[in-house]
Amino acid sequence: MKRIAFAWTLAASVLFALPAAAQQKPYEPQVGQAGKDVIWVPTPDEVVDRMLRMAQVGPNDLVFDLGAGDGKIAIAAAKKFGARSVGIEYNPDMAKHAQGNVEKAGATGKSRILNGDIFATDFSQATVVTMYLLPALNMKLRPTILAMRPGTRVVSHSFTMEDWEADEISSMDGRRAYFWLVPANVNGGWTFETGSEKAELSFEQRFQKIEGTVGLGHTQGGLRGARLSGFNISFTYVDNTGAKRDYTGRVTGGKMEGSFRADNGTEGRWSATKK
């Protein structure tokens, strides 16, 4: 009787243990599964590669992938391009799965996946931001991205930033990737100095597009070819002698400085301070 009782107890323990064991199957994400704000659809490998090349990712970069999914963009940034990378993923199971993929890829020294909310996690130190979200989420993120350091590179798979026009658009077998360079803020008035000359410099700005004027005495001269690319600025001005001066410089907060060259051979330095 003891043997029968023991056998029954053993069989019962195995029977009741099966559901628990079944629950221990590794998590496998499903294409189209619901997330916090989006469904999960992985970015094709060729699009991942192009996105990272558009952003010119390299070993000196810190890449943040917003909505990391299975971690493939963060892993590619680390393994193929040598960057440090961080993926932010809201779903805790997906985040754990993605971190497992990082470990399997041997990228733990350069890459990691955080379980977090992209709207509550600080990614301000990124030099490159990648994302595959939805238009409404891109727009919700846009003020945060525009407040990042000028020159930060941003790439989005499939979706735009509406009236903030992309600096580059790439197409791959019907899919699109959009690239932006976060522009410096130059809007408004500046005190402009070129050697012993002082003038009033003014810009009207809409994202990376700028127009401007230089005021010398009673003369307001328009700027030609004014261009802003991240923290780099350039423009051309025809002075009161009729000489065309080409200015190039760098914006650092409330200051600009650089060099100019005129078509009469004159060269020099210039600076400007925000009013």
Protein backbone atom coordinates (compact mmCIF):
# COMPACT_ATOMS: atom_id res chain seq x y z
CA MET A 1 0.00 0.00 0.00
CA LYS A 2 2.88 2.35 0.80
CA ARG A 3 4.36 1.79 -2.65
CA ILE A 4 1.00 2.55 -4.34
CA ALA A 5 0.53 5.68 -2.22
CA PHE A 6 4.05 6.85 -3.04
CA ALA A 7 3.53 6.24 -6.76
CA TRP A 8 0.24 8.16 -6.71
CA THR A 9 1.81 11.04 -4.81
CA LEU A 10 4.71 11.18 -7.32
CA ALA A 11 2.34 11.11 -10.31
CA ALA A 12 0.17 13.80 -8.80
CA SER A 13 3.17 16.03 -8.10
CA VAL A 14 4.33 15.71 -11.73
CA LEU A 15 0.80 16.35 -13.01
CA PHE A 16 0.30 19.51 -10.98
CA ALA A 17 3.83 20.74 -11.76
CA LEU A 18 3.26 20.69 -15.54
CA PRO A 19 1.29 23.97 -15.77
CA ALA A 20 3.95 25.77 -13.71
CA ALA A 21 6.68 24.39 -15.94
CA ALA A 22 4.73 25.44 -19.01
CA GLN A 23 4.61 28.98 -17.69
CA GLN A 24 8.41 29.10 -17.63
CA LYS A 25 8.72 29.12 -21.42
CA PRO A 26 10.99 31.91 -22.66
CA TYR A 27 9.17 35.10 -23.62
CA GLU A 28 8.81 35.45 -27.38
CA PRO A 29 7.45 38.75 -28.73
CA GLN A 30 4.81 38.57 -31.45
CA VAL A 31 4.72 40.97 -34.39
CA GLY A 32 1.69 43.22 -33.95
CA GLN A 33 1.47 42.77 -30.19
CA ALA A 34 0.05 45.78 -28.36
CA GLY A 35 2.32 48.09 -26.40
CA LYS A 36 1.74 51.25 -24.37
CA ASP A 37 1.21 53.54 -27.36
CA VAL A 38 2.14 51.43 -30.38
CA ILE A 39 2.10 47.88 -31.63
CA TRP A 40 5.45 46.13 -32.05
CA VAL A 41 6.72 45.75 -35.60
CA PRO A 42 10.48 45.19 -35.95
CA THR A 43 12.50 47.47 -38.23
CA PRO A 44 14.00 45.53 -41.17
CA ASP A 45 17.77 45.06 -40.98
CA GLU A 46 18.46 47.11 -44.12
CA VAL A 47 16.49 50.03 -42.67
CA VAL A 48 18.35 49.77 -39.36
CA ASP A 49 21.64 49.90 -41.24
CA ARG A 50 20.60 52.91 -43.32
CA MET A 51 19.27 54.80 -40.29
CA LEU A 52 22.56 54.42 -38.46
CA ARG A 53 24.53 55.38 -41.57
CA MET A 54 22.37 58.47 -42.12
CA ALA A 55 23.25 59.52 -38.58
CA GLN A 56 26.94 58.72 -39.27
CA VAL A 57 27.12 56.73 -36.04
CA GLY A 58 30.63 55.99 -34.80
CA PRO A 59 32.63 54.96 -31.72
CA ASN A 60 32.32 58.39 -30.10
CA ASP A 61 28.52 58.34 -30.14
CA LEU A 62 25.90 57.58 -27.51
CA VAL A 63 22.81 56.27 -29.28
CA PHE A 64 19.39 56.19 -27.59
CA ASP A 65 16.75 54.06 -29.29
CA LEU A 66 13.27 55.16 -28.20
CA GLY A 67 10.95 52.17 -28.09
CA ALA A 68 13.71 49.57 -28.32
CA GLY A 69 11.54 46.50 -29.00
CA ASP A 70 13.79 43.47 -29.34
CA GLY A 71 16.91 45.66 -29.11
CA LYS A 72 18.12 45.26 -32.70
CA ILE A 73 18.92 48.95 -33.29
CA ALA A 74 20.82 49.31 -30.02
CA ILE A 75 22.71 46.09 -30.76
CA ALA A 76 23.59 47.16 -34.32
CA ALA A 77 24.81 50.57 -33.11
CA ALA A 78 27.18 48.83 -30.70
CA LYS A 79 28.27 45.80 -32.70
CA LYS A 80 28.48 47.22 -36.22
CA PHE A 81 29.28 50.87 -35.58
CA GLY A 82 31.16 50.72 -32.27
CA ALA A 83 28.91 53.21 -30.45
CA ARG A 84 27.60 53.07 -26.92
CA SER A 85 23.87 52.53 -27.01
CA VAL A 86 20.82 52.51 -24.74
CA GLY A 87 17.40 51.20 -25.70
CA ILE A 88 14.33 52.38 -23.79
CA GLU A 89 11.46 49.87 -23.78
CA TYR A 90 8.20 50.23 -21.84
CA ASN A 91 7.12 46.56 -21.82
CA PRO A 92 9.08 44.85 -19.00
CA ASP A 93 8.95 41.43 -20.69
CA MET A 94 10.17 42.89 -23.98
CA ALA A 95 12.89 44.87 -22.18
CA LYS A 96 14.12 41.70 -20.48
CA HIS A 97 14.00 39.84 -23.79
CA ALA A 98 15.93 42.63 -25.53
CA GLN A 99 18.57 42.69 -22.80
CA GLY A 100 18.92 38.94 -23.32
CA ASN A 101 19.50 39.63 -27.03
CA VAL A 102 22.19 42.15 -26.09
CA GLU A 103 23.92 39.50 -23.99
CA LYS A 104 23.61 36.85 -26.73
CA ALA A 105 25.16 39.30 -29.20
CA GLY A 106 28.11 39.89 -26.88
CA ALA A 107 27.33 43.61 -26.71
CA THR A 108 26.98 44.07 -22.95
CA GLY A 109 30.12 46.22 -22.78
CA LYS A 110 28.58 48.87 -25.03
CA SER A 111 24.83 48.34 -25.05
CA ARG A 112 21.97 48.00 -22.56
CA ILE A 113 18.19 48.05 -22.53
CA LEU A 114 16.26 50.04 -19.94
CA ASN A 115 12.71 49.25 -18.92
CA GLY A 116 11.18 52.71 -18.93
CA ASP A 117 8.85 55.29 -20.46
CA ILE A 118 10.38 57.34 -23.29
CA PHE A 119 8.45 60.38 -22.02
CA ALA A 120 9.82 60.05 -18.50
CA THR A 121 13.38 58.83 -19.15
CA ASP A 122 16.22 61.32 -19.60
CA PHE A 123 17.99 60.85 -22.94
CA SER A 124 19.41 64.38 -23.15
CA GLN A 125 23.01 63.10 -23.29
CA ALA A 126 22.41 61.26 -26.57
CA THR A 127 24.38 62.29 -29.63
CA VAL A 128 22.04 60.19 -31.79
CA VAL A 129 18.33 59.41 -31.26
CA THR A 130 16.56 56.67 -33.24
CA MET A 131 12.87 55.80 -33.22
CA TYR A 132 10.09 53.89 -34.94
CA LEU A 133 6.98 55.28 -33.30
CA LEU A 134 3.83 56.99 -34.64
CA PRO A 135 3.32 60.55 -35.92
CA ALA A 136 1.52 61.68 -32.75
CA LEU A 137 4.33 60.32 -30.57
CA ASN A 138 6.98 61.97 -32.75
CA MET A 139 5.17 65.28 -32.27
CA LYS A 140 4.87 64.74 -28.54
CA LEU A 141 8.62 64.13 -28.40
CA ARG A 142 9.50 67.02 -30.72
CA PRO A 143 9.80 69.78 -28.07
CA THR A 144 12.14 67.57 -26.02
CA ILE A 145 14.25 66.78 -29.07
CA LEU A 146 14.44 70.43 -30.18
CA ALA A 147 15.69 71.33 -26.69
CA MET A 148 18.62 68.91 -27.02
CA ARG A 149 22.16 70.00 -27.84
CA PRO A 150 22.47 71.55 -31.29
CA GLY A 151 23.96 69.01 -33.64
CA THR A 152 22.19 66.02 -32.09
CA ARG A 153 21.27 63.61 -34.90
CA VAL A 154 17.75 62.19 -35.05
CA VAL A 155 16.47 59.40 -37.30
CA SER A 156 12.89 58.13 -37.59
CA HIS A 157 11.67 55.06 -39.45
CA SER A 158 8.50 55.77 -41.49
CA PHE A 159 7.18 58.84 -39.69
CA THR A 160 7.92 62.56 -39.94
CA MET A 161 7.94 65.54 -37.56
CA GLU A 162 5.24 67.32 -39.61
CA ASP A 163 6.34 70.91 -40.40
CA TRP A 164 9.87 70.35 -39.10
CA GLU A 165 11.17 69.23 -42.48
CA ALA A 166 13.74 66.47 -42.57
CA ASP A 167 17.31 67.30 -43.61
CA GLU A 168 17.46 64.01 -45.48
CA ILE A 169 15.02 61.31 -46.59
CA SER A 170 16.18 57.84 -47.63
CA SER A 171 14.01 55.17 -49.28
CA MET A 172 14.58 51.42 -49.09
CA ASP A 173 12.19 49.09 -50.93
CA GLY A 174 9.21 51.32 -50.21
CA ARG A 175 10.22 52.17 -46.64
CA ARG A 176 11.44 55.60 -45.61
CA ALA A 177 13.84 56.93 -43.01
CA TYR A 178 13.94 60.60 -42.01
CA PHE A 179 16.97 62.45 -40.65
CA TRP A 180 17.16 65.73 -38.72
CA LEU A 181 19.99 67.69 -37.17
CA VAL A 182 18.84 69.57 -34.05
CA PRO A 183 19.37 73.28 -34.86
CA ALA A 184 20.79 75.93 -32.57
CA ASN A 185 18.46 78.74 -31.52
CA VAL A 186 19.48 81.97 -33.30
CA ASN A 187 16.09 83.66 -33.50
CA GLY A 188 16.06 87.35 -32.58
CA GLY A 189 18.58 90.17 -32.32
CA TRP A 190 22.35 89.97 -31.96
CA THR A 191 25.14 92.51 -31.49
CA PHE A 192 27.48 91.83 -34.41
CA GLU A 193 31.19 92.73 -34.46
CA THR A 194 33.72 92.46 -37.27
CA GLY A 195 37.04 93.90 -36.17
CA SER A 196 36.32 97.53 -35.23
CA GLU A 197 32.89 97.51 -36.87
CA LYS A 198 29.69 96.99 -34.90
CA ALA A 199 26.30 96.25 -36.35
CA GLU A 200 22.91 94.83 -35.52
CA LEU A 201 22.27 91.27 -36.71
CA SER A 202 18.75 89.87 -36.71
CA PHE A 203 17.34 86.43 -37.57
CA GLU A 204 13.91 84.98 -38.10
CA GLN A 205 14.04 81.21 -37.57
CA ARG A 206 11.76 78.27 -38.22
CA PHE A 207 13.59 75.14 -37.17
CA GLN A 208 16.76 74.93 -39.34
CA LYS A 209 15.56 77.56 -41.82
CA ILE A 210 16.67 81.13 -41.18
CA GLU A 211 16.45 84.57 -42.79
CA GLY A 212 18.28 87.64 -41.55
CA THR A 213 19.42 91.22 -41.88
CA VAL A 214 22.44 93.29 -40.86
CA GLY A 215 21.89 96.89 -39.75
CA LEU A 216 24.72 99.36 -40.37
CA GLY A 217 23.70 102.87 -39.44
CA HIS A 218 20.52 103.67 -41.32
CA THR A 219 21.01 100.78 -43.74
CA GLN A 220 19.35 97.40 -43.31
CA GLY A 221 20.93 94.85 -45.61
CA GLY A 222 19.46 91.44 -46.19
CA LEU A 223 21.51 88.27 -45.74
CA ARG A 224 21.96 85.92 -48.68
CA GLY A 225 22.06 82.16 -48.41
CA ALA A 226 21.61 82.14 -44.63
CA ARG A 227 21.90 78.54 -43.46
CA LEU A 228 21.85 76.80 -40.10
CA SER A 229 23.05 73.21 -39.72
CA GLY A 230 23.11 72.12 -36.09
CA PHE A 231 25.48 74.60 -34.42
CA ASN A 232 27.07 75.70 -37.73
CA ILE A 233 25.87 78.92 -39.33
CA SER A 234 26.73 80.60 -42.62
CA PHE A 235 25.48 83.64 -44.51
CA THR A 236 26.59 86.21 -47.08
CA TYR A 237 26.33 89.98 -46.79
CA VAL A 238 27.13 92.74 -49.28
CA ASP A 239 28.67 95.63 -47.33
CA ASN A 240 28.42 99.37 -48.07
CA THR A 241 31.51 99.26 -50.30
CA GLY A 242 29.85 96.67 -52.52
CA ALA A 243 32.09 93.86 -51.31
CA LYS A 244 30.43 90.48 -50.83
CA ARG A 245 31.42 88.87 -47.54
CA ASP A 246 30.94 85.18 -46.84
CA TYR A 247 30.58 84.42 -43.13
CA THR A 248 30.90 81.01 -41.47
CA GLY A 249 30.76 80.31 -37.76
CA ARG A 250 29.59 78.32 -34.82
CA VAL A 251 26.75 79.00 -32.37
CA THR A 252 27.41 78.32 -28.70
CA GLY A 253 24.44 79.31 -26.57
CA GLY A 254 24.11 83.10 -26.70
CA LYS A 255 27.29 83.61 -28.71
CA MET A 256 28.47 83.11 -32.27
CA GLU A 257 31.93 83.43 -33.69
CA GLY A 258 33.75 82.57 -36.87
CA SER A 259 35.56 83.95 -39.89
CA PHE A 260 34.70 85.81 -43.07
CA ARG A 261 36.20 86.27 -46.50
CA ALA A 262 35.28 89.05 -48.91
CA ASP A 263 35.50 88.92 -52.70
CA ASN A 264 37.97 91.85 -52.57
CA GLY A 265 40.43 89.64 -50.69
CA THR A 266 39.67 90.90 -47.19
CA GLU A 267 39.59 88.26 -44.45
CA GLY A 268 38.88 88.45 -40.74
CA ARG A 269 37.09 87.21 -37.68
CA TRP A 270 33.59 88.02 -36.50
CA SER A 271 31.47 87.45 -33.39
CA ALA A 272 27.95 88.11 -32.21
CA THR A 273 26.26 88.19 -28.81
CA LYS A 274 22.55 87.58 -28.25
CA LYS A 275 20.66 90.62 -26.99
